[in-house]
Amino acid sequence: MTTDDAITVLLSKIARATEALSDAVVNEMSLEDGRTKIKMEAVQRIMAGGDNPMTGKPHSFSSAEAIANTDKTYNDYLATVRQAAAQRIIARGQYDAAIIEAQLIANKR
């Protein structure tokens, strides 16, 4: 394979890595956009679920919000957001690696 052929292959690799990074960023941003709605639903479930065991009174908004992470649906959503952030980091690493690989090949010319 010639250097020019190698560069062509690497440019294609960079294009694929760019698309994967873009998709990962869009996915993460979409999940972040939905986080407030999912959290508010968790707060509503907690408030409707009975009294605050610490006070024996109905949950206030702030007390329910403080324990929103204990809501399974919201907690699962947060895990999905974390996974999307991890995928973005992986995609960025693959993009950076493709750029560096192309630069190394180009510098051999």
N, C-alpha and C. Protein backbone atom coordinates (compact mmCIF):
# COMPACT_ATOMS: atom_id res chain seq x y z
N MET A 1 0.85 -1.18 0.00
CA MET A 1 0.00 0.00 0.00
C MET A 1 0.90 1.24 0.00
N THR A 2 0.60 2.16 -0.87
CA THR A 2 1.39 3.39 -0.93
C THR A 2 0.98 4.32 0.20
N THR A 3 1.81 5.33 0.42
CA THR A 3 1.49 6.32 1.44
C THR A 3 0.19 7.03 1.09
N ASP A 4 0.00 7.34 -0.19
CA ASP A 4 -1.24 8.00 -0.60
C ASP A 4 -2.45 7.11 -0.34
N ASP A 5 -2.31 5.81 -0.60
CA ASP A 5 -3.40 4.88 -0.30
C ASP A 5 -3.68 4.84 1.20
N ALA A 6 -2.64 4.82 1.99
CA ALA A 6 -2.79 4.79 3.45
C ALA A 6 -3.50 6.04 3.94
N ILE A 7 -3.15 7.18 3.37
CA ILE A 7 -3.80 8.45 3.75
C ILE A 7 -5.27 8.42 3.37
N THR A 8 -5.59 7.89 2.20
CA THR A 8 -6.98 7.78 1.78
C THR A 8 -7.78 6.91 2.75
N VAL A 9 -7.20 5.80 3.14
CA VAL A 9 -7.86 4.91 4.11
C VAL A 9 -8.04 5.63 5.44
N LEU A 10 -7.02 6.35 5.88
CA LEU A 10 -7.12 7.04 7.16
C LEU A 10 -8.12 8.19 7.12
N LEU A 11 -8.22 8.87 6.00
CA LEU A 11 -9.22 9.93 5.87
C LEU A 11 -10.64 9.35 5.99
N SER A 12 -10.83 8.18 5.42
CA SER A 12 -12.12 7.50 5.55
C SER A 12 -12.37 7.13 7.02
N LYS A 13 -11.33 6.66 7.68
CA LYS A 13 -11.42 6.31 9.10
C LYS A 13 -11.77 7.54 9.94
N ILE A 14 -11.16 8.67 9.61
CA ILE A 14 -11.45 9.92 10.32
C ILE A 14 -12.90 10.33 10.09
N ALA A 15 -13.38 10.19 8.87
CA ALA A 15 -14.77 10.54 8.57
C ALA A 15 -15.73 9.68 9.38
N ARG A 16 -15.45 8.38 9.46
CA ARG A 16 -16.31 7.49 10.26
C ARG A 16 -16.24 7.84 11.74
N ALA A 17 -15.04 8.15 12.22
CA ALA A 17 -14.87 8.52 13.63
C ALA A 17 -15.58 9.84 13.93
N THR A 18 -15.55 10.76 12.98
CA THR A 18 -16.25 12.03 13.14
C THR A 18 -17.75 11.81 13.25
N GLU A 19 -18.28 10.96 12.40
CA GLU A 19 -19.71 10.66 12.44
C GLU A 19 -20.09 9.97 13.75
N ALA A 20 -19.27 9.05 14.20
CA ALA A 20 -19.55 8.35 15.46
C ALA A 20 -19.52 9.33 16.63
N LEU A 21 -18.55 10.24 16.62
CA LEU A 21 -18.46 11.24 17.68
C LEU A 21 -19.68 12.15 17.65
N SER A 22 -20.07 12.58 16.48
CA SER A 22 -21.25 13.43 16.34
C SER A 22 -22.49 12.72 16.87
N ASP A 23 -22.67 11.47 16.50
CA ASP A 23 -23.83 10.70 16.98
C ASP A 23 -23.82 10.57 18.50
N ALA A 24 -22.63 10.34 19.06
CA ALA A 24 -22.52 10.20 20.52
C ALA A 24 -22.86 11.50 21.24
N VAL A 25 -22.42 12.61 20.69
CA VAL A 25 -22.71 13.92 21.29
C VAL A 25 -24.21 14.21 21.21
N VAL A 26 -24.82 13.96 20.07
CA VAL A 26 -26.26 14.19 19.91
C VAL A 26 -27.04 13.32 20.89
N ASN A 27 -26.65 12.06 21.03
CA ASN A 27 -27.34 11.16 21.95
C ASN A 27 -27.24 11.68 23.39
N GLU A 28 -26.04 12.05 23.79
CA GLU A 28 -25.86 12.54 25.15
C GLU A 28 -26.66 13.82 25.39
N MET A 29 -26.63 14.73 24.43
CA MET A 29 -27.37 15.98 24.59
C MET A 29 -28.88 15.74 24.65
N SER A 30 -29.36 14.80 23.86
CA SER A 30 -30.79 14.47 23.87
C SER A 30 -31.19 13.92 25.24
N LEU A 31 -30.36 13.06 25.78
CA LEU A 31 -30.65 12.52 27.11
C LEU A 31 -30.61 13.61 28.17
N GLU A 32 -29.64 14.50 28.09
CA GLU A 32 -29.56 15.61 29.04
C GLU A 32 -30.81 16.51 28.93
N ASP A 33 -31.28 16.72 27.71
CA ASP A 33 -32.49 17.52 27.52
C ASP A 33 -33.69 16.92 28.24
N GLY A 34 -33.75 15.60 28.34
CA GLY A 34 -34.87 14.93 28.98
C GLY A 34 -34.72 14.72 30.47
N ARG A 35 -33.57 15.03 31.01
CA ARG A 35 -33.30 14.73 32.42
C ARG A 35 -34.26 15.46 33.37
N THR A 36 -34.52 16.72 33.14
CA THR A 36 -35.38 17.49 34.04
C THR A 36 -36.79 16.90 34.08
N LYS A 37 -37.31 16.54 32.92
CA LYS A 37 -38.66 15.95 32.86
C LYS A 37 -38.71 14.64 33.66
N ILE A 38 -37.72 13.79 33.47
CA ILE A 38 -37.69 12.51 34.17
C ILE A 38 -37.53 12.73 35.68
N LYS A 39 -36.71 13.71 36.06
CA LYS A 39 -36.53 14.01 37.49
C LYS A 39 -37.83 14.52 38.10
N MET A 40 -38.52 15.41 37.38
CA MET A 40 -39.78 15.94 37.91
C MET A 40 -40.83 14.84 38.06
N GLU A 41 -40.83 13.89 37.15
CA GLU A 41 -41.73 12.74 37.28
C GLU A 41 -41.38 11.93 38.52
N ALA A 42 -40.09 11.80 38.79
CA ALA A 42 -39.65 11.08 40.00
C ALA A 42 -40.11 11.82 41.25
N VAL A 43 -39.95 13.13 41.25
CA VAL A 43 -40.38 13.95 42.40
C VAL A 43 -41.88 13.76 42.62
N GLN A 44 -42.66 13.79 41.55
CA GLN A 44 -44.11 13.60 41.67
C GLN A 44 -44.44 12.22 42.24
N ARG A 45 -43.74 11.19 41.78
CA ARG A 45 -43.98 9.84 42.31
C ARG A 45 -43.66 9.77 43.80
N ILE A 46 -42.56 10.39 44.19
CA ILE A 46 -42.17 10.37 45.60
C ILE A 46 -43.20 11.13 46.44
N MET A 47 -43.63 12.27 45.96
CA MET A 47 -44.61 13.07 46.70
C MET A 47 -45.95 12.33 46.82
N ALA A 48 -46.31 11.58 45.79
CA ALA A 48 -47.57 10.84 45.81
C ALA A 48 -47.45 9.51 46.56
N GLY A 49 -46.24 9.11 46.85
CA GLY A 49 -46.00 7.78 47.43
C GLY A 49 -46.18 7.67 48.92
N GLY A 50 -46.50 8.75 49.57
CA GLY A 50 -46.70 8.66 51.02
C GLY A 50 -45.88 9.69 51.76
N ASP A 51 -45.97 9.60 53.06
CA ASP A 51 -45.31 10.58 53.92
C ASP A 51 -43.80 10.40 53.95
N ASN A 52 -43.14 11.48 54.26
CA ASN A 52 -41.70 11.47 54.47
C ASN A 52 -41.44 10.72 55.77
N PRO A 53 -40.71 9.61 55.74
CA PRO A 53 -40.50 8.82 56.96
C PRO A 53 -39.74 9.58 58.06
N MET A 54 -39.01 10.59 57.68
CA MET A 54 -38.24 11.34 58.69
C MET A 54 -39.11 12.32 59.46
N THR A 55 -40.17 12.82 58.80
CA THR A 55 -41.00 13.84 59.45
C THR A 55 -42.41 13.34 59.77
N GLY A 56 -42.82 12.26 59.09
CA GLY A 56 -44.18 11.78 59.27
C GLY A 56 -45.21 12.65 58.56
N LYS A 57 -44.73 13.59 57.77
CA LYS A 57 -45.62 14.51 57.03
C LYS A 57 -45.45 14.24 55.54
N PRO A 58 -46.40 14.73 54.74
CA PRO A 58 -46.23 14.56 53.28
C PRO A 58 -44.92 15.19 52.81
N HIS A 59 -44.35 14.57 51.80
CA HIS A 59 -43.12 15.12 51.22
C HIS A 59 -43.37 16.50 50.65
N SER A 60 -42.47 17.42 50.95
CA SER A 60 -42.47 18.70 50.25
C SER A 60 -41.75 18.49 48.92
N PHE A 61 -41.87 19.47 48.04
CA PHE A 61 -41.15 19.36 46.77
C PHE A 61 -39.66 19.21 47.02
N SER A 62 -39.12 20.04 47.92
CA SER A 62 -37.66 20.00 48.14
C SER A 62 -37.21 18.69 48.78
N SER A 63 -38.01 18.13 49.67
CA SER A 63 -37.60 16.85 50.26
C SER A 63 -37.68 15.73 49.24
N ALA A 64 -38.69 15.78 48.38
CA ALA A 64 -38.80 14.77 47.33
C ALA A 64 -37.67 14.92 46.31
N GLU A 65 -37.35 16.16 45.97
CA GLU A 65 -36.26 16.39 45.01
C GLU A 65 -34.93 15.92 45.58
N ALA A 66 -34.75 16.09 46.88
CA ALA A 66 -33.49 15.69 47.51
C ALA A 66 -33.24 14.19 47.43
N ILE A 67 -34.31 13.40 47.33
CA ILE A 67 -34.14 11.95 47.25
C ILE A 67 -34.56 11.39 45.90
N ALA A 68 -34.65 12.25 44.90
CA ALA A 68 -35.08 11.81 43.56
C ALA A 68 -34.19 10.69 43.03
N ASN A 69 -32.92 10.69 43.40
CA ASN A 69 -32.00 9.65 42.91
C ASN A 69 -32.37 8.26 43.40
N THR A 70 -33.22 8.19 44.42
CA THR A 70 -33.64 6.88 44.92
C THR A 70 -34.78 6.29 44.08
N ASP A 71 -35.36 7.10 43.21
CA ASP A 71 -36.42 6.61 42.32
C ASP A 71 -35.79 5.74 41.24
N LYS A 72 -36.27 4.51 41.10
CA LYS A 72 -35.65 3.56 40.17
C LYS A 72 -35.65 4.07 38.74
N THR A 73 -36.78 4.62 38.29
CA THR A 73 -36.86 5.09 36.90
C THR A 73 -35.85 6.20 36.65
N TYR A 74 -35.78 7.16 37.58
CA TYR A 74 -34.83 8.27 37.42
C TYR A 74 -33.40 7.76 37.53
N ASN A 75 -33.15 6.87 38.46
CA ASN A 75 -31.80 6.31 38.62
C ASN A 75 -31.37 5.56 37.36
N ASP A 76 -32.29 4.79 36.78
CA ASP A 76 -31.98 4.09 35.53
C ASP A 76 -31.69 5.08 34.40
N TYR A 77 -32.44 6.17 34.37
CA TYR A 77 -32.22 7.20 33.35
C TYR A 77 -30.82 7.81 33.52
N LEU A 78 -30.46 8.10 34.76
CA LEU A 78 -29.12 8.65 35.02
C LEU A 78 -28.03 7.69 34.57
N ALA A 79 -28.25 6.40 34.76
CA ALA A 79 -27.28 5.41 34.30
C ALA A 79 -27.14 5.46 32.78
N THR A 80 -28.26 5.67 32.09
CA THR A 80 -28.23 5.80 30.62
C THR A 80 -27.46 7.05 30.21
N VAL A 81 -27.65 8.15 30.95
CA VAL A 81 -26.92 9.39 30.67
C VAL A 81 -25.42 9.17 30.88
N ARG A 82 -25.07 8.48 31.96
CA ARG A 82 -23.63 8.20 32.21
C ARG A 82 -23.04 7.34 31.10
N GLN A 83 -23.80 6.35 30.65
CA GLN A 83 -23.32 5.48 29.58
C GLN A 83 -23.12 6.28 28.29
N ALA A 84 -24.04 7.21 28.02
CA ALA A 84 -23.91 8.06 26.83
C ALA A 84 -22.67 8.94 26.93
N ALA A 85 -22.38 9.45 28.11
CA ALA A 85 -21.17 10.26 28.30
C ALA A 85 -19.92 9.41 28.08
N ALA A 86 -19.95 8.18 28.56
CA ALA A 86 -18.82 7.27 28.35
C ALA A 86 -18.63 6.99 26.86
N GLN A 87 -19.73 6.78 26.14
CA GLN A 87 -19.64 6.52 24.70
C GLN A 87 -19.08 7.73 23.95
N ARG A 88 -19.43 8.93 24.41
CA ARG A 88 -18.88 10.14 23.79
C ARG A 88 -17.37 10.20 24.00
N ILE A 89 -16.93 9.87 25.18
CA ILE A 89 -15.49 9.89 25.49
C ILE A 89 -14.76 8.85 24.63
N ILE A 90 -15.32 7.67 24.50
CA ILE A 90 -14.72 6.63 23.66
C ILE A 90 -14.66 7.09 22.21
N ALA A 91 -15.76 7.66 21.74
CA ALA A 91 -15.80 8.14 20.35
C ALA A 91 -14.76 9.24 20.13
N ARG A 92 -14.59 10.11 21.10
CA ARG A 92 -13.59 11.18 20.97
C ARG A 92 -12.19 10.58 20.92
N GLY A 93 -11.94 9.57 21.73
CA GLY A 93 -10.64 8.91 21.71
C GLY A 93 -10.35 8.27 20.37
N GLN A 94 -11.36 7.63 19.78
CA GLN A 94 -11.19 7.01 18.47
C GLN A 94 -10.95 8.07 17.39
N TYR A 95 -11.65 9.19 17.50
CA TYR A 95 -11.44 10.28 16.56
C TYR A 95 -10.01 10.82 16.68
N ASP A 96 -9.59 11.10 17.91
CA ASP A 96 -8.24 11.63 18.13
C ASP A 96 -7.18 10.64 17.64
N ALA A 97 -7.40 9.35 17.88
CA ALA A 97 -6.44 8.34 17.43
C ALA A 97 -6.34 8.31 15.91
N ALA A 98 -7.47 8.46 15.24
CA ALA A 98 -7.46 8.47 13.77
C ALA A 98 -6.70 9.69 13.24
N ILE A 99 -6.90 10.84 13.88
CA ILE A 99 -6.18 12.05 13.47
C ILE A 99 -4.68 11.87 13.67
N ILE A 100 -4.29 11.37 14.81
CA ILE A 100 -2.86 11.18 15.10
C ILE A 100 -2.25 10.18 14.13
N GLU A 101 -2.97 9.10 13.86
CA GLU A 101 -2.47 8.10 12.92
C GLU A 101 -2.24 8.72 11.54
N ALA A 102 -3.18 9.55 11.09
CA ALA A 102 -3.04 10.21 9.79
C ALA A 102 -1.85 11.18 9.79
N GLN A 103 -1.68 11.88 10.89
CA GLN A 103 -0.56 12.81 10.98
C GLN A 103 0.78 12.07 10.94
N LEU A 104 0.84 10.94 11.61
CA LEU A 104 2.08 10.15 11.59
C LEU A 104 2.41 9.66 10.19
N ILE A 105 1.39 9.18 9.47
CA ILE A 105 1.61 8.71 8.10
C ILE A 105 2.02 9.89 7.20
N ALA A 106 1.35 11.03 7.37
CA ALA A 106 1.66 12.20 6.55
C ALA A 106 3.07 12.68 6.82
N ASN A 107 3.53 12.60 8.05
CA ASN A 107 4.87 13.07 8.41
C ASN A 107 5.97 12.17 7.85
N LYS A 108 5.62 10.93 7.48
CA LYS A 108 6.60 10.02 6.88
C LYS A 108 6.86 10.36 5.43
N ARG A 109 6.02 11.18 4.84
CA ARG A 109 6.15 11.51 3.42
C ARG A 109 7.38 12.28 3.18
